[in-house]
PDB file of all heavy atoms in Angstrom:
ATOM      1  N   ALA A   1     -13.235  -7.487   3.424  1.00  0.00           N
ATOM      2  CA  ALA A   1     -11.939  -7.321   2.692  1.00  0.00           C
ATOM      3  C   ALA A   1     -10.801  -7.714   3.603  1.00  0.00           C
ATOM      4  O   ALA A   1     -10.843  -7.482   4.821  1.00  0.00           O
ATOM      5  CB  ALA A   1     -11.768  -5.883   2.227  1.00  0.00           C
ATOM      6  N   LEU A   2      -9.746  -8.330   3.027  1.00  0.00           N
ATOM      7  CA  LEU A   2      -8.560  -8.662   3.819  1.00  0.00           C
ATOM      8  C   LEU A   2      -7.383  -7.887   3.292  1.00  0.00           C
ATOM      9  O   LEU A   2      -6.769  -8.183   2.272  1.00  0.00           O
ATOM     10  CB  LEU A   2      -8.276 -10.177   3.633  1.00  0.00           C
ATOM     11  CG  LEU A   2      -9.331 -11.113   4.187  1.00  0.00           C
ATOM     12  CD1 LEU A   2      -9.074 -12.563   3.825  1.00  0.00           C
ATOM     13  CD2 LEU A   2      -9.353 -11.061   5.752  1.00  0.00           C
ATOM     14  N   CYS A   3      -7.068  -6.767   3.950  1.00  0.00           N
ATOM     15  CA  CYS A   3      -5.900  -5.930   3.597  1.00  0.00           C
ATOM     16  C   CYS A   3      -5.006  -5.869   4.796  1.00  0.00           C
ATOM     17  O   CYS A   3      -5.478  -5.815   5.921  1.00  0.00           O
ATOM     18  CB  CYS A   3      -6.337  -4.523   3.250  1.00  0.00           C
ATOM     19  SG  CYS A   3      -7.262  -4.395   1.689  1.00  0.00           S
ATOM     20  N   SER A   4      -3.684  -5.943   4.563  1.00  0.00           N
ATOM     21  CA  SER A   4      -2.733  -5.877   5.677  1.00  0.00           C
ATOM     22  C   SER A   4      -2.750  -4.517   6.348  1.00  0.00           C
ATOM     23  O   SER A   4      -3.306  -3.572   5.789  1.00  0.00           O
ATOM     24  CB  SER A   4      -1.286  -6.192   5.200  1.00  0.00           C
ATOM     25  OG  SER A   4      -0.944  -5.395   4.196  1.00  0.00           O
ATOM     26  N   TYR A   5      -2.207  -4.404   7.516  1.00  0.00           N
ATOM     27  CA  TYR A   5      -2.322  -3.201   8.417  1.00  0.00           C
ATOM     28  C   TYR A   5      -1.905  -1.911   7.704  1.00  0.00           C
ATOM     29  O   TYR A   5      -2.465  -0.869   7.959  1.00  0.00           O
ATOM     30  CB  TYR A   5      -1.550  -3.396   9.718  1.00  0.00           C
ATOM     31  CG  TYR A   5      -0.078  -3.275   9.561  1.00  0.00           C
ATOM     32  CD1 TYR A   5       0.587  -2.032   9.858  1.00  0.00           C
ATOM     33  CD2 TYR A   5       0.714  -4.314   9.090  1.00  0.00           C
ATOM     34  CE1 TYR A   5       1.940  -1.929   9.725  1.00  0.00           C
ATOM     35  CE2 TYR A   5       2.061  -4.188   8.927  1.00  0.00           C
ATOM     36  CZ  TYR A   5       2.706  -2.985   9.283  1.00  0.00           C
ATOM     37  OH  TYR A   5       4.046  -2.856   9.107  1.00  0.00           O
ATOM     38  N   ASN A   6      -0.872  -2.000   6.813  1.00  0.00           N
ATOM     39  CA  ASN A   6      -0.405  -0.750   6.175  1.00  0.00           C
ATOM     40  C   ASN A   6      -1.013  -0.485   4.829  1.00  0.00           C
ATOM     41  O   ASN A   6      -0.515   0.287   4.067  1.00  0.00           O
ATOM     42  CB  ASN A   6       1.141  -0.766   6.087  1.00  0.00           C
ATOM     43  CG  ASN A   6       1.663  -1.939   5.313  1.00  0.00           C
ATOM     44  OD1 ASN A   6       0.925  -2.828   4.951  1.00  0.00           O
ATOM     45  ND2 ASN A   6       2.962  -1.928   5.063  1.00  0.00           N
ATOM     46  N   ARG A   7      -2.149  -1.193   4.526  1.00  0.00           N
ATOM     47  CA  ARG A   7      -2.812  -0.979   3.212  1.00  0.00           C
ATOM     48  C   ARG A   7      -4.302  -0.612   3.504  1.00  0.00           C
ATOM     49  O   ARG A   7      -4.856  -1.013   4.475  1.00  0.00           O
ATOM     50  CB  ARG A   7      -2.779  -2.203   2.372  1.00  0.00           C
ATOM     51  CG  ARG A   7      -1.329  -2.508   1.976  1.00  0.00           C
ATOM     52  CD  ARG A   7      -1.291  -3.675   0.970  1.00  0.00           C
ATOM     53  NE  ARG A   7       0.157  -3.966   0.776  1.00  0.00           N
ATOM     54  CZ  ARG A   7       0.629  -4.439  -0.393  1.00  0.00           C
ATOM     55  NH1 ARG A   7      -0.185  -4.602  -1.382  1.00  0.00           N
ATOM     56  NH2 ARG A   7       1.854  -4.688  -0.534  1.00  0.00           N
ATOM     57  N   ARG A   8      -4.871   0.178   2.616  1.00  0.00           N
ATOM     58  CA  ARG A   8      -6.253   0.540   2.721  1.00  0.00           C
ATOM     59  C   ARG A   8      -7.064  -0.126   1.616  1.00  0.00           C
ATOM     60  O   ARG A   8      -6.582  -0.362   0.507  1.00  0.00           O
ATOM     61  CB  ARG A   8      -6.419   2.078   2.728  1.00  0.00           C
ATOM     62  CG  ARG A   8      -5.949   2.735   1.496  1.00  0.00           C
ATOM     63  CD  ARG A   8      -5.856   4.265   1.725  1.00  0.00           C
ATOM     64  NE  ARG A   8      -5.051   4.885   0.669  1.00  0.00           N
ATOM     65  CZ  ARG A   8      -5.468   5.659  -0.288  1.00  0.00           C
ATOM     66  NH1 ARG A   8      -6.754   5.927  -0.368  1.00  0.00           N
ATOM     67  NH2 ARG A   8      -4.673   6.135  -1.149  1.00  0.00           N
ATOM     68  N   CYS A   9      -8.318  -0.333   1.873  1.00  0.00           N
ATOM     69  CA  CYS A   9      -9.242  -1.038   0.967  1.00  0.00           C
ATOM     70  C   CYS A   9      -9.886  -0.068  -0.002  1.00  0.00           C
ATOM     71  O   CYS A   9     -10.306   0.964   0.433  1.00  0.00           O
ATOM     72  CB  CYS A   9     -10.226  -1.823   1.829  1.00  0.00           C
ATOM     73  SG  CYS A   9     -11.486  -2.685   0.777  1.00  0.00           S
ATOM     74  N   VAL A  10      -9.907  -0.435  -1.293  1.00  0.00           N
ATOM     75  CA  VAL A  10     -10.528   0.362  -2.277  1.00  0.00           C
ATOM     76  C   VAL A  10     -11.579  -0.497  -2.992  1.00  0.00           C
ATOM     77  O   VAL A  10     -11.282  -1.597  -3.555  1.00  0.00           O
ATOM     78  CB  VAL A  10      -9.583   0.927  -3.367  1.00  0.00           C
ATOM     79  CG1 VAL A  10     -10.293   1.738  -4.459  1.00  0.00           C
ATOM     80  CG2 VAL A  10      -8.447   1.711  -2.725  1.00  0.00           C
ATOM     81  N   ASN A  11     -12.880  -0.187  -2.847  1.00  0.00           N
ATOM     82  CA  ASN A  11     -13.955  -0.955  -3.418  1.00  0.00           C
ATOM     83  C   ASN A  11     -14.090  -0.751  -4.895  1.00  0.00           C
ATOM     84  O   ASN A  11     -13.873   0.349  -5.407  1.00  0.00           O
ATOM     85  CB  ASN A  11     -15.317  -0.578  -2.691  1.00  0.00           C
ATOM     86  CG  ASN A  11     -16.414  -1.464  -3.196  1.00  0.00           C
ATOM     87  OD1 ASN A  11     -16.346  -2.703  -3.053  1.00  0.00           O
ATOM     88  ND2 ASN A  11     -17.492  -0.860  -3.681  1.00  0.00           N
ATOM     89  N   THR A  12     -14.355  -1.846  -5.646  1.00  0.00           N
ATOM     90  CA  THR A  12     -14.617  -1.788  -7.078  1.00  0.00           C
ATOM     91  C   THR A  12     -15.893  -2.562  -7.333  1.00  0.00           C
ATOM     92  O   THR A  12     -16.373  -3.254  -6.486  1.00  0.00           O
ATOM     93  CB  THR A  12     -13.471  -2.413  -7.888  1.00  0.00           C
ATOM     94  OG1 THR A  12     -13.355  -3.792  -7.558  1.00  0.00           O
ATOM     95  CG2 THR A  12     -12.148  -1.716  -7.684  1.00  0.00           C
ATOM     96  N   PHE A  13     -16.507  -2.370  -8.488  1.00  0.00           N
ATOM     97  CA  PHE A  13     -17.778  -3.160  -8.822  1.00  0.00           C
ATOM     98  C   PHE A  13     -17.455  -4.615  -8.843  1.00  0.00           C
ATOM     99  O   PHE A  13     -16.719  -5.065  -9.659  1.00  0.00           O
ATOM    100  CB  PHE A  13     -18.385  -2.677 -10.141  1.00  0.00           C
ATOM    101  CG  PHE A  13     -19.727  -3.268 -10.414  1.00  0.00           C
ATOM    102  CD1 PHE A  13     -20.873  -2.851  -9.718  1.00  0.00           C
ATOM    103  CD2 PHE A  13     -19.850  -4.251 -11.329  1.00  0.00           C
ATOM    104  CE1 PHE A  13     -22.061  -3.445  -9.943  1.00  0.00           C
ATOM    105  CE2 PHE A  13     -21.061  -4.928 -11.586  1.00  0.00           C
ATOM    106  CZ  PHE A  13     -22.191  -4.437 -10.936  1.00  0.00           C
ATOM    107  N   GLY A  14     -18.064  -5.370  -7.918  1.00  0.00           N
ATOM    108  CA  GLY A  14     -17.936  -6.798  -7.894  1.00  0.00           C
ATOM    109  C   GLY A  14     -16.683  -7.315  -7.152  1.00  0.00           C
ATOM    110  O   GLY A  14     -16.432  -8.508  -7.026  1.00  0.00           O
ATOM    111  N   SER A  15     -15.835  -6.322  -6.675  1.00  0.00           N
ATOM    112  CA  SER A  15     -14.597  -6.838  -6.019  1.00  0.00           C
ATOM    113  C   SER A  15     -14.001  -5.644  -5.223  1.00  0.00           C
ATOM    114  O   SER A  15     -14.713  -4.700  -4.871  1.00  0.00           O
ATOM    115  CB  SER A  15     -13.595  -7.265  -7.120  1.00  0.00           C
ATOM    116  OG  SER A  15     -12.521  -7.937  -6.471  1.00  0.00           O
ATOM    117  N   TYR A  16     -12.712  -5.728  -4.918  1.00  0.00           N
ATOM    118  CA  TYR A  16     -11.977  -4.677  -4.201  1.00  0.00           C
ATOM    119  C   TYR A  16     -10.456  -4.917  -4.383  1.00  0.00           C
ATOM    120  O   TYR A  16     -10.059  -6.040  -4.836  1.00  0.00           O
ATOM    121  CB  TYR A  16     -12.300  -4.730  -2.649  1.00  0.00           C
ATOM    122  CG  TYR A  16     -11.695  -5.876  -1.924  1.00  0.00           C
ATOM    123  CD1 TYR A  16     -10.462  -5.783  -1.260  1.00  0.00           C
ATOM    124  CD2 TYR A  16     -12.341  -7.154  -1.893  1.00  0.00           C
ATOM    125  CE1 TYR A  16      -9.974  -6.859  -0.560  1.00  0.00           C
ATOM    126  CE2 TYR A  16     -11.798  -8.186  -1.210  1.00  0.00           C
ATOM    127  CZ  TYR A  16     -10.567  -8.050  -0.556  1.00  0.00           C
ATOM    128  OH  TYR A  16     -10.039  -9.174   0.095  1.00  0.00           O
ATOM    129  N   TYR A  17      -9.624  -3.949  -4.079  1.00  0.00           N
ATOM    130  CA  TYR A  17      -8.208  -4.197  -4.057  1.00  0.00           C
ATOM    131  C   TYR A  17      -7.589  -3.371  -2.894  1.00  0.00           C
ATOM    132  O   TYR A  17      -8.208  -2.510  -2.290  1.00  0.00           O
ATOM    133  CB  TYR A  17      -7.509  -3.827  -5.379  1.00  0.00           C
ATOM    134  CG  TYR A  17      -7.577  -2.352  -5.765  1.00  0.00           C
ATOM    135  CD1 TYR A  17      -6.511  -1.515  -5.532  1.00  0.00           C
ATOM    136  CD2 TYR A  17      -8.660  -1.809  -6.442  1.00  0.00           C
ATOM    137  CE1 TYR A  17      -6.482  -0.164  -5.917  1.00  0.00           C
ATOM    138  CE2 TYR A  17      -8.728  -0.520  -6.864  1.00  0.00           C
ATOM    139  CZ  TYR A  17      -7.604   0.307  -6.556  1.00  0.00           C
ATOM    140  OH  TYR A  17      -7.629   1.625  -6.967  1.00  0.00           O
ATOM    141  N   CYS A  18      -6.386  -3.707  -2.521  1.00  0.00           N
ATOM    142  CA  CYS A  18      -5.651  -3.118  -1.319  1.00  0.00           C
ATOM    143  C   CYS A  18      -4.618  -2.131  -1.865  1.00  0.00           C
ATOM    144  O   CYS A  18      -3.849  -2.545  -2.755  1.00  0.00           O
ATOM    145  CB  CYS A  18      -5.051  -4.167  -0.479  1.00  0.00           C
ATOM    146  SG  CYS A  18      -6.235  -5.386   0.197  1.00  0.00           S
ATOM    147  N   LYS A  19      -4.618  -0.934  -1.369  1.00  0.00           N
ATOM    148  CA  LYS A  19      -3.731   0.094  -1.797  1.00  0.00           C
ATOM    149  C   LYS A  19      -2.879   0.530  -0.568  1.00  0.00           C
ATOM    150  O   LYS A  19      -3.395   0.494   0.571  1.00  0.00           O
ATOM    151  CB  LYS A  19      -4.538   1.227  -2.332  1.00  0.00           C
ATOM    152  CG  LYS A  19      -3.800   2.330  -3.099  1.00  0.00           C
ATOM    153  CD  LYS A  19      -4.792   3.303  -3.682  1.00  0.00           C
ATOM    154  CE  LYS A  19      -4.019   4.395  -4.448  1.00  0.00           C
ATOM    155  NZ  LYS A  19      -4.949   5.383  -5.016  1.00  0.00           N
ATOM    156  N   CYS A  20      -1.721   1.040  -0.801  1.00  0.00           N
ATOM    157  CA  CYS A  20      -0.901   1.499   0.329  1.00  0.00           C
ATOM    158  C   CYS A  20      -1.585   2.704   1.030  1.00  0.00           C
ATOM    159  O   CYS A  20      -2.232   3.559   0.361  1.00  0.00           O
ATOM    160  CB  CYS A  20       0.491   2.032  -0.174  1.00  0.00           C
ATOM    161  SG  CYS A  20       1.581   0.688  -0.695  1.00  0.00           S
ATOM    162  N   GLN A  21      -1.430   2.817   2.366  1.00  0.00           N
ATOM    163  CA  GLN A  21      -2.058   3.938   3.123  1.00  0.00           C
ATOM    164  C   GLN A  21      -1.344   5.226   2.627  1.00  0.00           C
ATOM    165  O   GLN A  21      -0.249   5.173   2.113  1.00  0.00           O
ATOM    166  CB  GLN A  21      -1.718   3.756   4.593  1.00  0.00           C
ATOM    167  CG  GLN A  21      -2.387   2.539   5.251  1.00  0.00           C
ATOM    168  CD  GLN A  21      -3.852   2.798   5.611  1.00  0.00           C
ATOM    169  OE1 GLN A  21      -4.497   3.756   5.170  1.00  0.00           O
ATOM    170  NE2 GLN A  21      -4.383   1.947   6.421  1.00  0.00           N
ATOM    171  N   LEU A  22      -2.019   6.331   2.842  1.00  0.00           N
ATOM    172  CA  LEU A  22      -1.445   7.636   2.484  1.00  0.00           C
ATOM    173  C   LEU A  22      -0.115   7.793   3.280  1.00  0.00           C
ATOM    174  O   LEU A  22      -0.107   7.440   4.457  1.00  0.00           O
ATOM    175  CB  LEU A  22      -2.418   8.762   2.782  1.00  0.00           C
ATOM    176  CG  LEU A  22      -3.671   8.816   1.985  1.00  0.00           C
ATOM    177  CD1 LEU A  22      -4.669   9.806   2.528  1.00  0.00           C
ATOM    178  CD2 LEU A  22      -3.402   9.129   0.459  1.00  0.00           C
ATOM    179  N   GLY A  23       0.846   8.271   2.623  1.00  0.00           N
ATOM    180  CA  GLY A  23       2.202   8.501   3.256  1.00  0.00           C
ATOM    181  C   GLY A  23       3.095   7.267   3.107  1.00  0.00           C
ATOM    182  O   GLY A  23       4.233   7.262   3.550  1.00  0.00           O
ATOM    183  N   TYR A  24       2.571   6.239   2.376  1.00  0.00           N
ATOM    184  CA  TYR A  24       3.383   5.025   2.049  1.00  0.00           C
ATOM    185  C   TYR A  24       3.332   4.784   0.559  1.00  0.00           C
ATOM    186  O   TYR A  24       2.375   5.231  -0.132  1.00  0.00           O
ATOM    187  CB  TYR A  24       2.798   3.788   2.794  1.00  0.00           C
ATOM    188  CG  TYR A  24       2.945   3.847   4.275  1.00  0.00           C
ATOM    189  CD1 TYR A  24       2.014   4.516   5.100  1.00  0.00           C
ATOM    190  CD2 TYR A  24       4.000   3.269   4.869  1.00  0.00           C
ATOM    191  CE1 TYR A  24       2.135   4.544   6.433  1.00  0.00           C
ATOM    192  CE2 TYR A  24       4.105   3.281   6.316  1.00  0.00           C
ATOM    193  CZ  TYR A  24       3.223   3.913   7.075  1.00  0.00           C
ATOM    194  OH  TYR A  24       3.337   3.980   8.450  1.00  0.00           O
ATOM    195  N   GLU A  25       4.336   4.178   0.032  1.00  0.00           N
ATOM    196  CA  GLU A  25       4.375   3.819  -1.411  1.00  0.00           C
ATOM    197  C   GLU A  25       4.833   2.353  -1.594  1.00  0.00           C
ATOM    198  O   GLU A  25       5.477   1.834  -0.798  1.00  0.00           O
ATOM    199  CB  GLU A  25       5.243   4.754  -2.248  1.00  0.00           C
ATOM    200  CG  GLU A  25       6.736   4.720  -1.863  1.00  0.00           C
ATOM    201  CD  GLU A  25       7.558   5.766  -2.558  1.00  0.00           C
ATOM    202  OE1 GLU A  25       7.164   6.287  -3.584  1.00  0.00           O
ATOM    203  OE2 GLU A  25       8.748   6.003  -2.094  1.00  0.00           O
ATOM    204  N   LEU A  26       4.388   1.721  -2.750  1.00  0.00           N
ATOM    205  CA  LEU A  26       4.699   0.346  -2.994  1.00  0.00           C
ATOM    206  C   LEU A  26       6.108   0.262  -3.525  1.00  0.00           C
ATOM    207  O   LEU A  26       6.461   0.920  -4.543  1.00  0.00           O
ATOM    208  CB  LEU A  26       3.710  -0.207  -4.060  1.00  0.00           C
ATOM    209  CG  LEU A  26       3.582  -1.716  -4.118  1.00  0.00           C
ATOM    210  CD1 LEU A  26       3.098  -2.370  -2.844  1.00  0.00           C
ATOM    211  CD2 LEU A  26       2.676  -2.066  -5.262  1.00  0.00           C
ATOM    212  N   LYS A  27       6.999  -0.526  -2.864  1.00  0.00           N
ATOM    213  CA  LYS A  27       8.349  -0.742  -3.275  1.00  0.00           C
ATOM    214  C   LYS A  27       8.684  -2.250  -3.275  1.00  0.00           C
ATOM    215  O   LYS A  27       8.127  -2.997  -2.460  1.00  0.00           O
ATOM    216  CB  LYS A  27       9.292  -0.026  -2.241  1.00  0.00           C
ATOM    217  CG  LYS A  27       9.426   1.494  -2.443  1.00  0.00           C
ATOM    218  CD  LYS A  27      10.695   1.833  -3.089  1.00  0.00           C
ATOM    219  CE  LYS A  27      10.791   3.324  -3.368  1.00  0.00           C
ATOM    220  NZ  LYS A  27      11.282   4.128  -2.296  1.00  0.00           N
ATOM    221  N   TYR A  28       9.628  -2.593  -4.183  1.00  0.00           N
ATOM    222  CA  TYR A  28      10.023  -3.998  -4.277  1.00  0.00           C
ATOM    223  C   TYR A  28      11.327  -4.196  -3.534  1.00  0.00           C
ATOM    224  O   TYR A  28      12.327  -3.495  -3.862  1.00  0.00           O
ATOM    225  CB  TYR A  28      10.163  -4.401  -5.746  1.00  0.00           C
ATOM    226  CG  TYR A  28      10.504  -5.878  -5.907  1.00  0.00           C
ATOM    227  CD1 TYR A  28       9.581  -6.884  -5.788  1.00  0.00           C
ATOM    228  CD2 TYR A  28      11.852  -6.262  -6.166  1.00  0.00           C
ATOM    229  CE1 TYR A  28       9.886  -8.233  -5.945  1.00  0.00           C
ATOM    230  CE2 TYR A  28      12.150  -7.564  -6.298  1.00  0.00           C
ATOM    231  CZ  TYR A  28      11.242  -8.564  -6.174  1.00  0.00           C
ATOM    232  OH  TYR A  28      11.561  -9.899  -6.280  1.00  0.00           O
ATOM    233  N   ALA A  29      11.326  -5.058  -2.572  1.00  0.00           N
ATOM    234  CA  ALA A  29      12.594  -5.306  -1.799  1.00  0.00           C
ATOM    235  C   ALA A  29      12.559  -6.721  -1.214  1.00  0.00           C
ATOM    236  O   ALA A  29      11.570  -7.230  -0.856  1.00  0.00           O
ATOM    237  CB  ALA A  29      12.806  -4.275  -0.706  1.00  0.00           C
ATOM    238  N   ASN A  30      13.750  -7.362  -1.173  1.00  0.00           N
ATOM    239  CA  ASN A  30      13.889  -8.706  -0.615  1.00  0.00           C
ATOM    240  C   ASN A  30      12.917  -9.754  -1.141  1.00  0.00           C
ATOM    241  O   ASN A  30      12.329 -10.528  -0.489  1.00  0.00           O
ATOM    242  CB  ASN A  30      13.797  -8.698   0.932  1.00  0.00           C
ATOM    243  CG  ASN A  30      14.759  -7.698   1.545  1.00  0.00           C
ATOM    244  OD1 ASN A  30      15.850  -7.556   1.046  1.00  0.00           O
ATOM    245  ND2 ASN A  30      14.370  -7.117   2.671  1.00  0.00           N
ATOM    246  N   GLY A  31      12.669  -9.676  -2.470  1.00  0.00           N
ATOM    247  CA  GLY A  31      11.860 -10.673  -3.151  1.00  0.00           C
ATOM    248  C   GLY A  31      10.350 -10.444  -3.102  1.00  0.00           C
ATOM    249  O   GLY A  31       9.568 -11.280  -3.610  1.00  0.00           O
ATOM    250  N   HIS A  32       9.876  -9.376  -2.530  1.00  0.00           N
ATOM    251  CA  HIS A  32       8.408  -9.103  -2.556  1.00  0.00           C
ATOM    252  C   HIS A  32       8.084  -7.621  -2.407  1.00  0.00           C
ATOM    253  O   HIS A  32       8.967  -6.816  -2.040  1.00  0.00           O
ATOM    254  CB  HIS A  32       7.696  -9.941  -1.437  1.00  0.00           C
ATOM    255  CG  HIS A  32       8.129  -9.649  -0.107  1.00  0.00           C
ATOM    256  ND1 HIS A  32       9.179 -10.265   0.469  1.00  0.00           N
ATOM    257  CD2 HIS A  32       7.629  -8.819   0.843  1.00  0.00           C
ATOM    258  CE1 HIS A  32       9.330  -9.825   1.762  1.00  0.00           C
ATOM    259  NE2 HIS A  32       8.411  -8.934   1.970  1.00  0.00           N
ATOM    260  N   TYR A  33       6.849  -7.261  -2.709  1.00  0.00           N
ATOM    261  CA  TYR A  33       6.396  -5.908  -2.689  1.00  0.00           C
ATOM    262  C   TYR A  33       5.891  -5.548  -1.315  1.00  0.00           C
ATOM    263  O   TYR A  33       5.280  -6.397  -0.618  1.00  0.00           O
ATOM    264  CB  TYR A  33       5.241  -5.653  -3.699  1.00  0.00           C
ATOM    265  CG  TYR A  33       5.688  -5.525  -5.132  1.00  0.00           C
ATOM    266  CD1 TYR A  33       5.914  -6.679  -5.948  1.00  0.00           C
ATOM    267  CD2 TYR A  33       5.975  -4.294  -5.645  1.00  0.00           C
ATOM    268  CE1 TYR A  33       6.359  -6.532  -7.216  1.00  0.00           C
ATOM    269  CE2 TYR A  33       6.434  -4.156  -6.975  1.00  0.00           C
ATOM    270  CZ  TYR A  33       6.632  -5.322  -7.746  1.00  0.00           C
ATOM    271  OH  TYR A  33       7.032  -5.154  -9.100  1.00  0.00           O
ATOM    272  N   ASN A  34       6.189  -4.320  -0.802  1.00  0.00           N
ATOM    273  CA  ASN A  34       5.785  -3.884   0.416  1.00  0.00           C
ATOM    274  C   ASN A  34       5.414  -2.398   0.443  1.00  0.00           C
ATOM    275  O   ASN A  34       5.922  -1.659  -0.441  1.00  0.00           O
ATOM    276  CB  ASN A  34       6.856  -4.106   1.456  1.00  0.00           C
ATOM    277  CG  ASN A  34       6.396  -5.016   2.581  1.00  0.00           C
ATOM    278  OD1 ASN A  34       5.208  -4.970   2.975  1.00  0.00           O
ATOM    279  ND2 ASN A  34       7.298  -5.781   3.175  1.00  0.00           N
ATOM    280  N   CYS A  35       4.563  -1.963   1.324  1.00  0.00           N
ATOM    281  CA  CYS A  35       4.264  -0.556   1.492  1.00  0.00           C
ATOM    282  C   CYS A  35       5.282   0.077   2.473  1.00  0.00           C
ATOM    283  O   CYS A  35       5.381  -0.349   3.573  1.00  0.00           O
ATOM    284  CB  CYS A  35       2.798  -0.329   2.006  1.00  0.00           C
ATOM    285  SG  CYS A  35       1.604  -0.830   0.809  1.00  0.00           S
ATOM    286  N   VAL A  36       6.086   0.973   1.944  1.00  0.00           N
ATOM    287  CA  VAL A  36       7.169   1.627   2.800  1.00  0.00           C
ATOM    288  C   VAL A  36       6.865   3.084   2.967  1.00  0.00           C
ATOM    289  O   VAL A  36       6.250   3.722   2.073  1.00  0.00           O
ATOM    290  CB  VAL A  36       8.602   1.354   2.181  1.00  0.00           C
ATOM    291  CG1 VAL A  36       8.969  -0.094   2.203  1.00  0.00           C
ATOM    292  CG2 VAL A  36       8.726   1.927   0.825  1.00  0.00           C
ATOM    293  N   ASP A  37       7.344   3.638   4.066  1.00  0.00           N
ATOM    294  CA  ASP A  37       7.147   5.028   4.361  1.00  0.00           C
ATOM    295  C   ASP A  37       7.711   5.982   3.338  1.00  0.00           C
ATOM    296  O   ASP A  37       8.839   5.669   2.903  1.00  0.00           O
ATOM    297  CB  ASP A  37       7.714   5.291   5.779  1.00  0.00           C
ATOM    298  CG  ASP A  37       7.671   6.771   6.114  1.00  0.00           C
ATOM    299  OD1 ASP A  37       6.549   7.344   6.124  1.00  0.00           O
ATOM    300  OD2 ASP A  37       8.751   7.370   6.402  1.00  0.00           O
ATOM    301  N   VAL A  38       7.014   7.013   2.947  1.00  0.00           N
ATOM    302  CA  VAL A  38       7.551   7.998   2.060  1.00  0.00           C
ATOM    303  C   VAL A  38       8.272   9.059   2.913  1.00  0.00           C
ATOM    304  O   VAL A  38       7.589   9.592   3.843  1.00  0.00           O
ATOM    305  CB  VAL A  38       6.467   8.698   1.204  1.00  0.00           C
ATOM    306  CG1 VAL A  38       6.990   9.860   0.425  1.00  0.00           C
ATOM    307  CG2 VAL A  38       5.696   7.660   0.323  1.00  0.00           C
ATOM    308  N   ASN A  39       9.464   9.322   2.635  1.00  0.00           N
ATOM    309  CA  ASN A  39      10.207  10.390   3.405  1.00  0.00           C
ATOM    310  C   ASN A  39       9.928  11.705   2.742  1.00  0.00           C
ATOM    311  O   ASN A  39      10.587  12.110   1.810  1.00  0.00           O
ATOM    312  CB  ASN A  39      11.730  10.047   3.482  1.00  0.00           C
ATOM    313  CG  ASN A  39      12.417  11.023   4.406  1.00  0.00           C
ATOM    314  OD1 ASN A  39      12.051  12.174   4.658  1.00  0.00           O
ATOM    315  ND2 ASN A  39      13.545  10.587   4.954  1.00  0.00           N
ATOM    316  N   GLU A  40       8.906  12.469   3.211  1.00  0.00           N
ATOM    317  CA  GLU A  40       8.499  13.743   2.666  1.00  0.00           C
ATOM    318  C   GLU A  40       9.626  14.785   2.745  1.00  0.00           C
ATOM    319  O   GLU A  40       9.656  15.661   1.909  1.00  0.00           O
ATOM    320  CB  GLU A  40       7.262  14.270   3.342  1.00  0.00           C
ATOM    321  CG  GLU A  40       5.977  13.431   3.111  1.00  0.00           C
ATOM    322  CD  GLU A  40       5.812  12.272   4.131  1.00  0.00           C
ATOM    323  OE1 GLU A  40       6.729  12.061   4.944  1.00  0.00           O
ATOM    324  OE2 GLU A  40       4.781  11.588   4.009  1.00  0.00           O
ATOM    325  N   CYS A  41      10.494  14.655   3.744  1.00  0.00           N
ATOM    326  CA  CYS A  41      11.595  15.600   3.965  1.00  0.00           C
ATOM    327  C   CYS A  41      12.621  15.476   2.808  1.00  0.00           C
ATOM    328  O   CYS A  41      13.035  16.485   2.290  1.00  0.00           O
ATOM    329  CB  CYS A  41      12.249  15.400   5.263  1.00  0.00           C
ATOM    330  SG  CYS A  41      11.094  15.577   6.673  1.00  0.00           S
ATOM    331  N   VAL A  42      12.963  14.258   2.428  1.00  0.00           N
ATOM    332  CA  VAL A  42      13.917  14.003   1.384  1.00  0.00           C
ATOM    333  C   VAL A  42      13.244  14.295   0.015  1.00  0.00           C
ATOM    334  O   VAL A  42      13.846  14.876  -0.869  1.00  0.00           O
ATOM    335  CB  VAL A  42      14.446  12.583   1.447  1.00  0.00           C
ATOM    336  CG1 VAL A  42      15.319  12.225   0.206  1.00  0.00           C
ATOM    337  CG2 VAL A  42      15.254  12.356   2.688  1.00  0.00           C
ATOM    338  N   ALA A  43      11.992  13.823  -0.148  1.00  0.00           N
ATOM    339  CA  ALA A  43      11.239  14.017  -1.416  1.00  0.00           C
ATOM    340  C   ALA A  43      10.854  15.507  -1.684  1.00  0.00           C
ATOM    341  O   ALA A  43      10.413  15.855  -2.722  1.00  0.00           O
ATOM    342  CB  ALA A  43      10.020  13.127  -1.452  1.00  0.00           C
TER     343      ALA A  43
END
């Protein structure tokens, strides 16, 4: 599997997908999606 450093791999039957690491969430900024830190103190 090829997942970027801040994403974790989730296996599926016949394939896989990359999900944000725990403590991060998928956000859209500057023209693309990225995994950004969740501020647990504010949330």
